[in-house]
Amino acid sequence: MLGAIRAEETPVKRLTALLLALTLPLLASAKEEVEPKEGEAPKVAYIDLVPALVGNYGPGPRLKYYKADISLRVSSTDAEVKVTRHEPLIRNQLVMLFSQQTDESLGSSDAKEKLRQEALKQVQQVLNSEEGQPLVDDLLFNNLIIQP
């Protein structure tokens, strides 16, 4: 009876070995697709700062509000992980920047572009001090609403 059990195990072991031999090349090729090849452009990822930044801005007796939906563009999964780790610090820096704005600095499209560039600069400075490199390639306003 013991010999019969060993005879039955042999086909199962062979089948298992065959399945492993067939799936290993598939797993190896899947890993290669995730990593960019040499000379190939890096994969771009966008990190949305969710929830949107909402707060008040400007001096004066009347409260003025803003709402900003922001995305950060990064060029690698490693950068994406690091930026996500520092998101609370990034959000704080952006809230402080927005709270210092005035109606003039938010009133025109040129002023909003200057604000976008300043926000990018500040995010890169935060990441440079924390990680030793800027990591973020661009900052985008998906939506910027102000109520003066």
Protein backbone atom coordinates (compact mmCIF):
# COMPACT_ATOMS: atom_id res chain seq x y z
CA MET A 1 0.00 0.00 0.00
CA LEU A 2 2.86 2.38 0.78
CA GLY A 3 4.27 1.81 -2.69
CA ALA A 4 0.91 2.78 -4.23
CA ILE A 5 0.91 6.14 -2.45
CA ARG A 6 4.41 6.95 -3.67
CA ALA A 7 3.40 6.04 -7.22
CA GLU A 8 0.47 8.47 -7.02
CA GLU A 9 2.65 11.31 -5.67
CA THR A 10 5.05 11.16 -8.58
CA PRO A 11 2.60 12.47 -11.22
CA VAL A 12 1.49 15.24 -8.85
CA LYS A 13 5.09 16.31 -8.27
CA ARG A 14 5.73 16.26 -12.00
CA LEU A 15 2.64 18.36 -12.65
CA THR A 16 3.66 20.84 -9.97
CA ALA A 17 7.16 21.11 -11.39
CA LEU A 18 5.74 21.63 -14.88
CA LEU A 19 3.39 24.39 -13.69
CA LEU A 20 6.23 26.16 -11.87
CA ALA A 21 8.44 25.90 -14.94
CA LEU A 22 5.69 27.47 -17.07
CA THR A 23 4.83 30.32 -14.68
CA LEU A 24 8.32 31.47 -13.72
CA PRO A 25 9.06 33.06 -17.13
CA LEU A 26 5.71 34.89 -16.93
CA LEU A 27 6.54 36.29 -13.51
CA ALA A 28 10.00 37.38 -14.67
CA SER A 29 8.57 39.19 -17.71
CA ALA A 30 5.94 40.93 -15.56
CA LYS A 31 8.67 42.32 -13.32
CA GLU A 32 10.62 43.58 -16.31
CA GLU A 33 7.61 45.53 -17.59
CA VAL A 34 7.27 47.47 -14.33
CA GLU A 35 10.87 48.73 -14.32
CA PRO A 36 11.76 51.20 -17.09
CA LYS A 37 14.35 49.98 -19.56
CA GLU A 38 17.61 51.83 -20.07
CA GLY A 39 17.20 54.76 -22.47
CA GLU A 40 13.42 54.72 -22.02
CA ALA A 41 11.60 57.70 -20.54
CA PRO A 42 10.62 57.22 -16.88
CA LYS A 43 7.00 56.54 -16.01
CA VAL A 44 5.16 59.66 -14.90
CA ALA A 45 2.77 59.55 -11.95
CA TYR A 46 0.45 62.19 -10.56
CA ILE A 47 -0.21 62.44 -6.83
CA ASP A 48 -3.49 64.18 -6.00
CA LEU A 49 -3.54 66.05 -2.72
CA VAL A 50 -6.85 64.81 -1.36
CA PRO A 51 -8.85 66.36 0.16
CA ALA A 52 -8.56 69.70 -1.60
CA LEU A 53 -6.90 72.57 0.22
CA VAL A 54 -9.56 74.92 1.60
CA GLY A 55 -8.95 77.98 3.72
CA ASN A 56 -9.10 81.72 3.97
CA TYR A 57 -6.61 84.23 2.62
CA GLY A 58 -5.72 87.90 2.72
CA PRO A 59 -5.98 90.59 5.36
CA GLY A 60 -9.05 92.62 6.20
CA PRO A 61 -12.22 92.39 8.21
CA ARG A 62 -14.00 90.24 5.60
CA LEU A 63 -13.03 86.56 5.22
CA LYS A 64 -11.99 85.47 1.72
CA TYR A 65 -11.85 81.80 0.82
CA TYR A 66 -9.95 79.59 -1.60
CA LYS A 67 -10.25 75.98 -2.67
CA ALA A 68 -7.35 74.37 -4.53
CA ASP A 69 -7.28 70.89 -6.08
CA ILE A 70 -3.59 70.17 -6.59
CA SER A 71 -1.66 67.36 -8.30
CA LEU A 72 2.08 66.76 -8.06
CA ARG A 73 3.92 65.16 -11.00
CA VAL A 74 6.75 62.73 -10.20
CA SER A 75 8.91 60.59 -12.48
CA SER A 76 9.37 57.37 -10.53
CA THR A 77 7.60 55.07 -8.13
CA ASP A 78 10.34 55.71 -5.57
CA ALA A 79 9.65 59.46 -5.75
CA GLU A 80 5.92 58.77 -5.50
CA VAL A 81 6.41 56.83 -2.25
CA LYS A 82 8.65 59.51 -0.75
CA VAL A 83 6.37 62.39 -1.72
CA THR A 84 3.34 60.56 -0.32
CA ARG A 85 5.23 60.02 2.95
CA HIS A 86 5.81 63.79 3.27
CA GLU A 87 2.32 64.85 2.17
CA PRO A 88 1.33 66.38 5.55
CA LEU A 89 4.38 68.66 5.49
CA ILE A 90 3.73 69.58 1.86
CA ARG A 91 0.08 70.38 2.61
CA ASN A 92 1.11 72.57 5.55
CA GLN A 93 3.56 74.52 3.39
CA LEU A 94 0.92 75.07 0.70
CA VAL A 95 -1.74 76.17 3.21
CA MET A 96 0.71 78.72 4.63
CA LEU A 97 1.51 79.98 1.12
CA PHE A 98 -2.17 80.36 0.18
CA SER A 99 -3.06 82.12 3.43
CA GLN A 100 -0.53 84.88 2.61
CA GLN A 101 -2.12 85.71 -0.76
CA THR A 102 -4.11 88.83 -1.62
CA ASP A 103 -6.83 89.60 -4.15
CA GLU A 104 -4.15 90.92 -6.51
CA SER A 105 -2.04 87.76 -6.28
CA LEU A 106 -5.06 85.58 -7.08
CA GLY A 107 -6.95 87.91 -9.43
CA SER A 108 -5.51 87.19 -12.88
CA SER A 109 -4.28 84.16 -14.77
CA ASP A 110 -0.71 85.54 -14.74
CA ALA A 111 -0.89 85.94 -10.97
CA LYS A 112 -2.18 82.38 -10.61
CA GLU A 113 0.70 81.11 -12.73
CA LYS A 114 3.16 82.92 -10.46
CA LEU A 115 1.44 81.34 -7.46
CA ARG A 116 1.70 77.90 -9.09
CA GLN A 117 5.42 78.38 -9.69
CA GLU A 118 5.96 79.59 -6.12
CA ALA A 119 4.00 76.60 -4.78
CA LEU A 120 6.16 74.23 -6.84
CA LYS A 121 9.30 75.94 -5.56
CA GLN A 122 8.16 75.60 -1.95
CA VAL A 123 7.22 71.93 -2.36
CA GLN A 124 10.61 71.21 -3.91
CA GLN A 125 12.35 73.05 -1.06
CA VAL A 126 10.49 70.96 1.53
CA LEU A 127 11.39 67.72 -0.23
CA ASN A 128 14.97 68.85 -0.76
CA SER A 129 15.38 69.48 2.97
CA GLU A 130 13.70 66.16 3.90
CA GLU A 131 14.96 63.80 1.19
CA GLY A 132 17.96 65.61 -0.30
CA GLN A 133 16.35 66.02 -3.74
CA PRO A 134 13.32 67.91 -5.10
CA LEU A 135 11.48 64.75 -6.37
CA VAL A 136 8.49 66.74 -7.76
CA ASP A 137 8.77 67.77 -11.41
CA ASP A 138 5.66 69.92 -11.59
CA LEU A 139 2.68 71.15 -9.60
CA LEU A 140 -0.70 71.51 -11.28
CA PHE A 141 -3.85 73.30 -10.21
CA ASN A 142 -6.65 70.99 -11.28
CA ASN A 143 -9.08 73.54 -9.88
CA LEU A 144 -8.50 76.86 -8.13
CA ILE A 145 -11.55 78.67 -6.84
CA ILE A 146 -11.45 81.92 -4.92
CA GLN A 147 -14.24 83.82 -3.19
CA PRO A 148 -13.03 87.40 -2.60
